[in-house]
Amino acid sequence: MNKIWANYEKGMAVFDNCHSPTVQSQWRALKDEIGEFVREPNLSEIWDIVHAAGRLFYKLTGIPFNLLAYPTVRKHSQRFEEYGCIRSIRNCEGKCCGKNS
């Protein structure tokens, strides 16, 4: 469990360092996740929406509600451990600044 949290925190820090987490960028990310759910509704996308909403809420309040979306936290942790980016290989822009970039 600690490994999951450590990889998640490191992966999000690396990602945020390369993609500044502004209110506008967090709002865009939430809208993108909602759009993905509309195109392909599934439970994973719901967790991604909760995570994105939590990141926006965290940016506004400092309360890390994004951590409630544990399935997405775990997914980002695994991706970061595997290839140094929290995004899927399909969506990685090559700017993740991770260990394998």
PDB file of N, CA and C in Angstrom:
ATOM      1  N   MET A   1       0.831  -1.202   0.000  1.00  0.00           N
ATOM      2  CA  MET A   1       0.000   0.000   0.000  1.00  0.00           C
ATOM      3  C   MET A   1       0.869   1.257   0.000  1.00  0.00           C
ATOM      4  N   ASN A   2       1.915   1.257   0.841  1.00  0.00           N
ATOM      5  CA  ASN A   2       2.790   2.421   0.888  1.00  0.00           C
ATOM      6  C   ASN A   2       3.483   2.657  -0.445  1.00  0.00           C
ATOM      7  N   LYS A   3       3.805   1.570  -1.153  1.00  0.00           N
ATOM      8  CA  LYS A   3       4.436   1.690  -2.466  1.00  0.00           C
ATOM      9  C   LYS A   3       3.490   2.363  -3.457  1.00  0.00           C
ATOM     10  N   ILE A   4       2.222   2.020  -3.388  1.00  0.00           N
ATOM     11  CA  ILE A   4       1.232   2.642  -4.270  1.00  0.00           C
ATOM     12  C   ILE A   4       1.181   4.139  -4.012  1.00  0.00           C
ATOM     13  N   TRP A   5       1.068   4.534  -2.738  1.00  0.00           N
ATOM     14  CA  TRP A   5       0.996   5.961  -2.406  1.00  0.00           C
ATOM     15  C   TRP A   5       2.275   6.683  -2.803  1.00  0.00           C
ATOM     16  N   ALA A   6       3.428   6.057  -2.540  1.00  0.00           N
ATOM     17  CA  ALA A   6       4.713   6.695  -2.869  1.00  0.00           C
ATOM     18  C   ALA A   6       4.846   6.911  -4.375  1.00  0.00           C
ATOM     19  N   ASN A   7       4.508   5.887  -5.174  1.00  0.00           N
ATOM     20  CA  ASN A   7       4.574   6.030  -6.632  1.00  0.00           C
ATOM     21  C   ASN A   7       3.578   7.064  -7.136  1.00  0.00           C
ATOM     22  N   TYR A   8       2.380   7.068  -6.547  1.00  0.00           N
ATOM     23  CA  TYR A   8       1.371   8.053  -6.949  1.00  0.00           C
ATOM     24  C   TYR A   8       1.866   9.468  -6.665  1.00  0.00           C
ATOM     25  N   GLU A   9       2.339   9.699  -5.457  1.00  0.00           N
ATOM     26  CA  GLU A   9       2.794  11.043  -5.094  1.00  0.00           C
ATOM     27  C   GLU A   9       3.952  11.487  -5.974  1.00  0.00           C
ATOM     28  N   LYS A  10       4.894  10.592  -6.207  1.00  0.00           N
ATOM     29  CA  LYS A  10       6.036  10.934  -7.049  1.00  0.00           C
ATOM     30  C   LYS A  10       5.576  11.193  -8.487  1.00  0.00           C
ATOM     31  N   GLY A  11       4.728  10.319  -9.006  1.00  0.00           N
ATOM     32  CA  GLY A  11       4.233  10.474 -10.374  1.00  0.00           C
ATOM     33  C   GLY A  11       3.448  11.757 -10.571  1.00  0.00           C
ATOM     34  N   MET A  12       2.593  12.088  -9.608  1.00  0.00           N
ATOM     35  CA  MET A  12       1.817  13.325  -9.722  1.00  0.00           C
ATOM     36  C   MET A  12       2.728  14.545  -9.614  1.00  0.00           C
ATOM     37  N   ALA A  13       3.730  14.488  -8.750  1.00  0.00           N
ATOM     38  CA  ALA A  13       4.666  15.606  -8.610  1.00  0.00           C
ATOM     39  C   ALA A  13       5.444  15.817  -9.912  1.00  0.00           C
ATOM     40  N   VAL A  14       5.904  14.722 -10.511  1.00  0.00           N
ATOM     41  CA  VAL A  14       6.629  14.816 -11.778  1.00  0.00           C
ATOM     42  C   VAL A  14       5.710  15.388 -12.853  1.00  0.00           C
ATOM     43  N   PHE A  15       4.498  14.859 -12.939  1.00  0.00           N
ATOM     44  CA  PHE A  15       3.548  15.339 -13.944  1.00  0.00           C
ATOM     45  C   PHE A  15       3.226  16.815 -13.730  1.00  0.00           C
ATOM     46  N   ASP A  16       2.951  17.199 -12.483  1.00  0.00           N
ATOM     47  CA  ASP A  16       2.607  18.589 -12.188  1.00  0.00           C
ATOM     48  C   ASP A  16       3.774  19.530 -12.458  1.00  0.00           C
ATOM     49  N   ASN A  17       4.988  19.036 -12.286  1.00  0.00           N
ATOM     50  CA  ASN A  17       6.162  19.856 -12.560  1.00  0.00           C
ATOM     51  C   ASN A  17       6.253  20.200 -14.044  1.00  0.00           C
ATOM     52  N   CYS A  18       5.807  19.292 -14.892  1.00  0.00           N
ATOM     53  CA  CYS A  18       5.868  19.502 -16.341  1.00  0.00           C
ATOM     54  C   CYS A  18       4.569  20.058 -16.916  1.00  0.00           C
ATOM     55  N   HIS A  19       3.485  19.916 -16.185  1.00  0.00           N
ATOM     56  CA  HIS A  19       2.163  20.386 -16.624  1.00  0.00           C
ATOM     57  C   HIS A  19       1.554  21.143 -15.450  1.00  0.00           C
ATOM     58  N   SER A  20       1.820  22.416 -15.372  1.00  0.00           N
ATOM     59  CA  SER A  20       1.409  23.218 -14.222  1.00  0.00           C
ATOM     60  C   SER A  20      -0.070  23.039 -13.890  1.00  0.00           C
ATOM     61  N   PRO A  21      -0.371  22.639 -12.644  1.00  0.00           N
ATOM     62  CA  PRO A  21      -1.763  22.393 -12.253  1.00  0.00           C
ATOM     63  C   PRO A  21      -2.484  23.683 -11.857  1.00  0.00           C
ATOM     64  N   THR A  22      -2.895  24.451 -12.848  1.00  0.00           N
ATOM     65  CA  THR A  22      -3.655  25.672 -12.587  1.00  0.00           C
ATOM     66  C   THR A  22      -5.132  25.331 -12.422  1.00  0.00           C
ATOM     67  N   VAL A  23      -5.892  26.271 -11.932  1.00  0.00           N
ATOM     68  CA  VAL A  23      -7.339  26.056 -11.837  1.00  0.00           C
ATOM     69  C   VAL A  23      -7.893  25.764 -13.228  1.00  0.00           C
ATOM     70  N   GLN A  24      -7.443  26.519 -14.218  1.00  0.00           N
ATOM     71  CA  GLN A  24      -7.940  26.315 -15.588  1.00  0.00           C
ATOM     72  C   GLN A  24      -7.569  24.933 -16.119  1.00  0.00           C
ATOM     73  N   SER A  25      -6.329  24.496 -15.872  1.00  0.00           N
ATOM     74  CA  SER A  25      -5.929  23.180 -16.385  1.00  0.00           C
ATOM     75  C   SER A  25      -6.687  22.060 -15.669  1.00  0.00           C
ATOM     76  N   GLN A  26      -6.948  22.236 -14.380  1.00  0.00           N
ATOM     77  CA  GLN A  26      -7.696  21.221 -13.635  1.00  0.00           C
ATOM     78  C   GLN A  26      -9.154  21.184 -14.094  1.00  0.00           C
ATOM     79  N   TRP A  27      -9.721  22.349 -14.395  1.00  0.00           N
ATOM     80  CA  TRP A  27     -11.088  22.419 -14.916  1.00  0.00           C
ATOM     81  C   TRP A  27     -11.158  21.725 -16.280  1.00  0.00           C
ATOM     82  N   ARG A  28     -10.162  21.997 -17.148  1.00  0.00           N
ATOM     83  CA  ARG A  28     -10.104  21.352 -18.461  1.00  0.00           C
ATOM     84  C   ARG A  28      -9.992  19.840 -18.312  1.00  0.00           C
ATOM     85  N   ALA A  29      -9.158  19.397 -17.377  1.00  0.00           N
ATOM     86  CA  ALA A  29      -8.995  17.950 -17.155  1.00  0.00           C
ATOM     87  C   ALA A  29     -10.313  17.311 -16.720  1.00  0.00           C
ATOM     88  N   LEU A  30     -11.050  18.000 -15.853  1.00  0.00           N
ATOM     89  CA  LEU A  30     -12.351  17.480 -15.417  1.00  0.00           C
ATOM     90  C   LEU A  30     -13.318  17.399 -16.593  1.00  0.00           C
ATOM     91  N   LYS A  31     -13.373  18.439 -17.407  1.00  0.00           N
ATOM     92  CA  LYS A  31     -14.261  18.412 -18.582  1.00  0.00           C
ATOM     93  C   LYS A  31     -13.856  17.302 -19.550  1.00  0.00           C
ATOM     94  N   ASP A  32     -12.543  17.100 -19.717  1.00  0.00           N
ATOM     95  CA  ASP A  32     -12.071  16.020 -20.596  1.00  0.00           C
ATOM     96  C   ASP A  32     -12.515  14.653 -20.076  1.00  0.00           C
ATOM     97  N   GLU A  33     -12.406  14.457 -18.763  1.00  0.00           N
ATOM     98  CA  GLU A  33     -12.819  13.174 -18.182  1.00  0.00           C
ATOM     99  C   GLU A  33     -14.318  12.951 -18.336  1.00  0.00           C
ATOM    100  N   ILE A  34     -15.095  14.001 -18.164  1.00  0.00           N
ATOM    101  CA  ILE A  34     -16.550  13.880 -18.361  1.00  0.00           C
ATOM    102  C   ILE A  34     -16.841  13.521 -19.812  1.00  0.00           C
ATOM    103  N   GLY A  35     -16.131  14.159 -20.732  1.00  0.00           N
ATOM    104  CA  GLY A  35     -16.297  13.848 -22.153  1.00  0.00           C
ATOM    105  C   GLY A  35     -15.954  12.402 -22.470  1.00  0.00           C
ATOM    106  N   GLU A  36     -14.878  11.896 -21.856  1.00  0.00           N
ATOM    107  CA  GLU A  36     -14.514  10.494 -22.070  1.00  0.00           C
ATOM    108  C   GLU A  36     -15.602   9.567 -21.544  1.00  0.00           C
ATOM    109  N   PHE A  37     -16.195   9.923 -20.403  1.00  0.00           N
ATOM    110  CA  PHE A  37     -17.268   9.103 -19.853  1.00  0.00           C
ATOM    111  C   PHE A  37     -18.490   9.111 -20.766  1.00  0.00           C
ATOM    112  N   VAL A  38     -18.819  10.260 -21.318  1.00  0.00           N
ATOM    113  CA  VAL A  38     -19.974  10.359 -22.220  1.00  0.00           C
ATOM    114  C   VAL A  38     -19.751   9.483 -23.457  1.00  0.00           C
ATOM    115  N   ARG A  39     -18.514   9.503 -23.988  1.00  0.00           N
ATOM    116  CA  ARG A  39     -18.202   8.692 -25.167  1.00  0.00           C
ATOM    117  C   ARG A  39     -18.149   7.201 -24.859  1.00  0.00           C
ATOM    118  N   GLU A  40     -17.650   6.867 -23.670  1.00  0.00           N
ATOM    119  CA  GLU A  40     -17.480   5.457 -23.315  1.00  0.00           C
ATOM    120  C   GLU A  40     -17.754   5.258 -21.822  1.00  0.00           C
ATOM    121  N   PRO A  41     -19.040   5.215 -21.447  1.00  0.00           N
ATOM    122  CA  PRO A  41     -19.377   5.107 -20.023  1.00  0.00           C
ATOM    123  C   PRO A  41     -18.910   3.789 -19.405  1.00  0.00           C
ATOM    124  N   ASN A  42     -18.151   3.912 -18.320  1.00  0.00           N
ATOM    125  CA  ASN A  42     -17.736   2.740 -17.555  1.00  0.00           C
ATOM    126  C   ASN A  42     -17.267   3.192 -16.181  1.00  0.00           C
ATOM    127  N   LEU A  43     -17.107   2.242 -15.288  1.00  0.00           N
ATOM    128  CA  LEU A  43     -16.753   2.550 -13.904  1.00  0.00           C
ATOM    129  C   LEU A  43     -15.389   3.226 -13.789  1.00  0.00           C
ATOM    130  N   SER A  44     -14.454   2.807 -14.610  1.00  0.00           N
ATOM    131  CA  SER A  44     -13.121   3.410 -14.581  1.00  0.00           C
ATOM    132  C   SER A  44     -13.190   4.905 -14.882  1.00  0.00           C
ATOM    133  N   GLU A  45     -14.004   5.277 -15.835  1.00  0.00           N
ATOM    134  CA  GLU A  45     -14.152   6.700 -16.183  1.00  0.00           C
ATOM    135  C   GLU A  45     -14.810   7.481 -15.044  1.00  0.00           C
ATOM    136  N   ILE A  46     -15.717   6.852 -14.318  1.00  0.00           N
ATOM    137  CA  ILE A  46     -16.327   7.531 -13.167  1.00  0.00           C
ATOM    138  C   ILE A  46     -15.249   7.839 -12.128  1.00  0.00           C
ATOM    139  N   TRP A  47     -14.366   6.868 -11.857  1.00  0.00           N
ATOM    140  CA  TRP A  47     -13.280   7.113 -10.905  1.00  0.00           C
ATOM    141  C   TRP A  47     -12.348   8.207 -11.412  1.00  0.00           C
ATOM    142  N   ASP A  48     -12.122   8.250 -12.726  1.00  0.00           N
ATOM    143  CA  ASP A  48     -11.283   9.310 -13.291  1.00  0.00           C
ATOM    144  C   ASP A  48     -11.938  10.685 -13.112  1.00  0.00           C
ATOM    145  N   ILE A  49     -13.264  10.737 -13.229  1.00  0.00           N
ATOM    146  CA  ILE A  49     -13.992  11.995 -12.994  1.00  0.00           C
ATOM    147  C   ILE A  49     -13.847  12.408 -11.528  1.00  0.00           C
ATOM    148  N   VAL A  50     -14.024  11.458 -10.621  1.00  0.00           N
ATOM    149  CA  VAL A  50     -13.877  11.758  -9.189  1.00  0.00           C
ATOM    150  C   VAL A  50     -12.464  12.271  -8.907  1.00  0.00           C
ATOM    151  N   HIS A  51     -11.474  11.634  -9.504  1.00  0.00           N
ATOM    152  CA  HIS A  51     -10.084  12.047  -9.312  1.00  0.00           C
ATOM    153  C   HIS A  51      -9.863  13.459  -9.848  1.00  0.00           C
ATOM    154  N   ALA A  52     -10.330  13.731 -11.052  1.00  0.00           N
ATOM    155  CA  ALA A  52     -10.153  15.056 -11.651  1.00  0.00           C
ATOM    156  C   ALA A  52     -10.897  16.126 -10.850  1.00  0.00           C
ATOM    157  N   ALA A  53     -12.093  15.816 -10.404  1.00  0.00           N
ATOM    158  CA  ALA A  53     -12.845  16.765  -9.573  1.00  0.00           C
ATOM    159  C   ALA A  53     -12.113  16.999  -8.254  1.00  0.00           C
ATOM    160  N   GLY A  54     -11.554  15.926  -7.696  1.00  0.00           N
ATOM    161  CA  GLY A  54     -10.796  16.045  -6.461  1.00  0.00           C
ATOM    162  C   GLY A  54      -9.543  16.879  -6.632  1.00  0.00           C
ATOM    163  N   ARG A  55      -8.877  16.754  -7.779  1.00  0.00           N
ATOM    164  CA  ARG A  55      -7.685  17.574  -8.039  1.00  0.00           C
ATOM    165  C   ARG A  55      -8.062  19.048  -8.167  1.00  0.00           C
ATOM    166  N   LEU A  56      -9.187  19.327  -8.809  1.00  0.00           N
ATOM    167  CA  LEU A  56      -9.655  20.715  -8.897  1.00  0.00           C
ATOM    168  C   LEU A  56      -9.999  21.234  -7.509  1.00  0.00           C
ATOM    169  N   PHE A  57     -10.697  20.434  -6.734  1.00  0.00           N
ATOM    170  CA  PHE A  57     -11.069  20.828  -5.375  1.00  0.00           C
ATOM    171  C   PHE A  57      -9.824  21.062  -4.529  1.00  0.00           C
ATOM    172  N   TYR A  58      -8.826  20.204  -4.693  1.00  0.00           N
ATOM    173  CA  TYR A  58      -7.563  20.356  -3.968  1.00  0.00           C
ATOM    174  C   TYR A  58      -6.874  21.670  -4.344  1.00  0.00           C
ATOM    175  N   LYS A  59      -6.887  21.990  -5.621  1.00  0.00           N
ATOM    176  CA  LYS A  59      -6.271  23.240  -6.088  1.00  0.00           C
ATOM    177  C   LYS A  59      -6.968  24.438  -5.454  1.00  0.00           C
ATOM    178  N   LEU A  60      -8.280  24.359  -5.289  1.00  0.00           N
ATOM    179  CA  LEU A  60      -9.052  25.472  -4.740  1.00  0.00           C
ATOM    180  C   LEU A  60      -9.006  25.550  -3.214  1.00  0.00           C
ATOM    181  N   THR A  61      -8.903  24.394  -2.539  1.00  0.00           N
ATOM    182  CA  THR A  61      -9.053  24.378  -1.076  1.00  0.00           C
ATOM    183  C   THR A  61      -7.859  23.818  -0.309  1.00  0.00           C
ATOM    184  N   GLY A  62      -7.006  23.050  -0.983  1.00  0.00           N
ATOM    185  CA  GLY A  62      -5.916  22.376  -0.287  1.00  0.00           C
ATOM    186  C   GLY A  62      -6.328  21.065   0.358  1.00  0.00           C
ATOM    187  N   ILE A  63      -7.573  20.642   0.156  1.00  0.00           N
ATOM    188  CA  ILE A  63      -8.071  19.380   0.709  1.00  0.00           C
ATOM    189  C   ILE A  63      -7.958  18.317  -0.392  1.00  0.00           C
ATOM    190  N   PRO A  64      -7.171  17.264  -0.159  1.00  0.00           N
ATOM    191  CA  PRO A  64      -6.867  16.288  -1.220  1.00  0.00           C
ATOM    192  C   PRO A  64      -7.966  15.247  -1.458  1.00  0.00           C
ATOM    193  N   PHE A  65      -9.132  15.697  -1.923  1.00  0.00           N
ATOM    194  CA  PHE A  65     -10.216  14.759  -2.208  1.00  0.00           C
ATOM    195  C   PHE A  65      -9.899  13.827  -3.371  1.00  0.00           C
ATOM    196  N   ASN A  66      -8.907  14.167  -4.179  1.00  0.00           N
ATOM    197  CA  ASN A  66      -8.526  13.292  -5.278  1.00  0.00           C
ATOM    198  C   ASN A  66      -8.099  11.913  -4.776  1.00  0.00           C
ATOM    199  N   LEU A  67      -7.637  11.835  -3.537  1.00  0.00           N
ATOM    200  CA  LEU A  67      -7.192  10.549  -2.986  1.00  0.00           C
ATOM    201  C   LEU A  67      -8.345   9.588  -2.732  1.00  0.00           C
ATOM    202  N   LEU A  68      -9.565  10.090  -2.731  1.00  0.00           N
ATOM    203  CA  LEU A  68     -10.735   9.216  -2.568  1.00  0.00           C
ATOM    204  C   LEU A  68     -10.947   8.321  -3.787  1.00  0.00           C
ATOM    205  N   ALA A  69     -10.398   8.729  -4.913  1.00  0.00           N
ATOM    206  CA  ALA A  69     -10.543   7.957  -6.152  1.00  0.00           C
ATOM    207  C   ALA A  69      -9.423   6.914  -6.219  1.00  0.00           C
ATOM    208  N   TYR A  70      -9.429   6.003  -5.260  1.00  0.00           N
ATOM    209  CA  TYR A  70      -8.334   5.044  -5.132  1.00  0.00           C
ATOM    210  C   TYR A  70      -8.066   4.233  -6.405  1.00  0.00           C
ATOM    211  N   PRO A  71      -9.078   3.786  -7.143  1.00  0.00           N
ATOM    212  CA  PRO A  71      -8.756   3.047  -8.375  1.00  0.00           C
ATOM    213  C   PRO A  71      -7.904   3.869  -9.353  1.00  0.00           C
ATOM    214  N   THR A  72      -8.161   5.154  -9.454  1.00  0.00           N
ATOM    215  CA  THR A  72      -7.349   6.005 -10.334  1.00  0.00           C
ATOM    216  C   THR A  72      -5.981   6.255  -9.717  1.00  0.00           C
ATOM    217  N   VAL A  73      -5.928   6.438  -8.412  1.00  0.00           N
ATOM    218  CA  VAL A  73      -4.642   6.593  -7.718  1.00  0.00           C
ATOM    219  C   VAL A  73      -3.769   5.369  -7.989  1.00  0.00           C
ATOM    220  N   ARG A  74      -4.345   4.188  -7.841  1.00  0.00           N
ATOM    221  CA  ARG A  74      -3.608   2.941  -8.074  1.00  0.00           C
ATOM    222  C   ARG A  74      -3.150   2.840  -9.535  1.00  0.00           C
ATOM    223  N   LYS A  75      -4.030   3.203 -10.460  1.00  0.00           N
ATOM    224  CA  LYS A  75      -3.704   3.143 -11.890  1.00  0.00           C
ATOM    225  C   LYS A  75      -2.533   4.083 -12.211  1.00  0.00           C
ATOM    226  N   HIS A  76      -2.581   5.317 -11.700  1.00  0.00           N
ATOM    227  CA  HIS A  76      -1.485   6.267 -11.941  1.00  0.00           C
ATOM    228  C   HIS A  76      -0.188   5.767 -11.315  1.00  0.00           C
ATOM    229  N   SER A  77      -0.281   5.188 -10.132  1.00  0.00           N
ATOM    230  CA  SER A  77       0.895   4.646  -9.450  1.00  0.00           C
ATOM    231  C   SER A  77       1.539   3.541 -10.282  1.00  0.00           C
ATOM    232  N   GLN A  78       0.731   2.624 -10.781  1.00  0.00           N
ATOM    233  CA  GLN A  78       1.249   1.513 -11.579  1.00  0.00           C
ATOM    234  C   GLN A  78       1.891   2.016 -12.872  1.00  0.00           C
ATOM    235  N   ARG A  79       1.255   2.965 -13.521  1.00  0.00           N
ATOM    236  CA  ARG A  79       1.812   3.506 -14.764  1.00  0.00           C
ATOM    237  C   ARG A  79       3.151   4.184 -14.500  1.00  0.00           C
ATOM    238  N   PHE A  80       3.206   4.975 -13.424  1.00  0.00           N
ATOM    239  CA  PHE A  80       4.452   5.668 -13.123  1.00  0.00           C
ATOM    240  C   PHE A  80       5.572   4.668 -12.833  1.00  0.00           C
ATOM    241  N   GLU A  81       5.248   3.617 -12.101  1.00  0.00           N
ATOM    242  CA  GLU A  81       6.258   2.598 -11.796  1.00  0.00           C
ATOM    243  C   GLU A  81       6.717   1.883 -13.064  1.00  0.00           C
ATOM    244  N   GLU A  82       5.780   1.597 -13.969  1.00  0.00           N
ATOM    245  CA  GLU A  82       6.097   0.833 -15.179  1.00  0.00           C
ATOM    246  C   GLU A  82       6.902   1.636 -16.193  1.00  0.00           C
ATOM    247  N   TYR A  83       6.471   2.889 -16.480  1.00  0.00           N
ATOM    248  CA  TYR A  83       7.139   3.615 -17.559  1.00  0.00           C
ATOM    249  C   TYR A  83       7.353   5.097 -17.291  1.00  0.00           C
ATOM    250  N   GLY A  84       7.205   5.522 -16.031  1.00  0.00           N
ATOM    251  CA  GLY A  84       7.587   6.880 -15.666  1.00  0.00           C
ATOM    252  C   GLY A  84       6.602   7.967 -16.022  1.00  0.00           C
ATOM    253  N   CYS A  85       5.354   7.597 -16.305  1.00  0.00           N
ATOM    254  CA  CYS A  85       4.328   8.576 -16.652  1.00  0.00           C
ATOM    255  C   CYS A  85       2.996   8.108 -16.068  1.00  0.00           C
ATOM    256  N   ILE A  86       2.218   9.052 -15.529  1.00  0.00           N
ATOM    257  CA  ILE A  86       0.913   8.684 -14.971  1.00  0.00           C
ATOM    258  C   ILE A  86      -0.143   8.491 -16.050  1.00  0.00           C
ATOM    259  N   ARG A  87       0.102   9.032 -17.234  1.00  0.00           N
ATOM    260  CA  ARG A  87      -0.873   8.917 -18.321  1.00  0.00           C
ATOM    261  C   ARG A  87      -0.744   7.568 -19.008  1.00  0.00           C
ATOM    262  N   SER A  88      -1.793   7.167 -19.688  1.00  0.00           N
ATOM    263  CA  SER A  88      -1.730   5.925 -20.453  1.00  0.00           C
ATOM    264  C   SER A  88      -0.732   6.109 -21.588  1.00  0.00           C
ATOM    265  N   ILE A  89      -0.169   5.014 -22.054  1.00  0.00           N
ATOM    266  CA  ILE A  89       0.771   5.092 -23.177  1.00  0.00           C
ATOM    267  C   ILE A  89       0.089   5.746 -24.368  1.00  0.00           C
ATOM    268  N   ARG A  90      -1.171   5.452 -24.561  1.00  0.00           N
ATOM    269  CA  ARG A  90      -1.945   6.004 -25.677  1.00  0.00           C
ATOM    270  C   ARG A  90      -2.071   7.517 -25.572  1.00  0.00           C
ATOM    271  N   ASN A  91      -2.158   8.064 -24.348  1.00  0.00           N
ATOM    272  CA  ASN A  91      -2.359   9.503 -24.164  1.00  0.00           C
ATOM    273  C   ASN A  91      -1.113  10.266 -23.735  1.00  0.00           C
ATOM    274  N   CYS A  92      -0.029   9.557 -23.484  1.00  0.00           N
ATOM    275  CA  CYS A  92       1.194  10.238 -23.065  1.00  0.00           C
ATOM    276  C   CYS A  92       1.693  11.093 -24.222  1.00  0.00           C
ATOM    277  N   GLU A  93       2.009  12.332 -23.919  1.00  0.00           N
ATOM    278  CA  GLU A  93       2.444  13.277 -24.944  1.00  0.00           C
ATOM    279  C   GLU A  93       3.959  13.301 -25.089  1.00  0.00           C
ATOM    280  N   GLY A  94       4.654  12.423 -24.365  1.00  0.00           N
ATOM    281  CA  GLY A  94       6.104  12.418 -24.414  1.00  0.00           C
ATOM    282  C   GLY A  94       6.720  13.553 -23.607  1.00  0.00           C
ATOM    283  N   LYS A  95       5.893  14.198 -22.771  1.00  0.00           N
ATOM    284  CA  LYS A  95       6.365  15.309 -21.954  1.00  0.00           C
ATOM    285  C   LYS A  95       6.148  15.012 -20.479  1.00  0.00           C
ATOM    286  N   CYS A  96       6.205  13.756 -20.098  1.00  0.00           N
ATOM    287  CA  CYS A  96       5.901  13.380 -18.724  1.00  0.00           C
ATOM    288  C   CYS A  96       7.063  13.646 -17.770  1.00  0.00           C
ATOM    289  N   CYS A  97       8.249  13.844 -18.322  1.00  0.00           N
ATOM    290  CA  CYS A  97       9.431  14.155 -17.523  1.00  0.00           C
ATOM    291  C   CYS A  97       9.723  13.087 -16.489  1.00  0.00           C
ATOM    292  N   GLY A  98       9.281  11.880 -16.723  1.00  0.00           N
ATOM    293  CA  GLY A  98       9.510  10.796 -15.776  1.00  0.00           C
ATOM    294  C   GLY A  98      10.846  10.119 -15.999  1.00  0.00           C
ATOM    295  N   LYS A  99      11.053   9.022 -15.311  1.00  0.00           N
ATOM    296  CA  LYS A  99      12.338   8.330 -15.345  1.00  0.00           C
ATOM    297  C   LYS A  99      12.658   7.756 -16.718  1.00  0.00           C
ATOM    298  N   ASN A 100      11.634   7.521 -17.547  1.00  0.00           N
ATOM    299  CA  ASN A 100      11.866   6.914 -18.856  1.00  0.00           C
ATOM    300  C   ASN A 100      11.657   7.892 -20.014  1.00  0.00           C
ATOM    301  N   SER A 101      11.488   9.150 -19.703  1.00  0.00           N
ATOM    302  CA  SER A 101      11.237  10.131 -20.764  1.00  0.00           C
ATOM    303  C   SER A 101      12.518  10.583 -21.397  1.00  0.00           C
TER     304      SER A 101
END
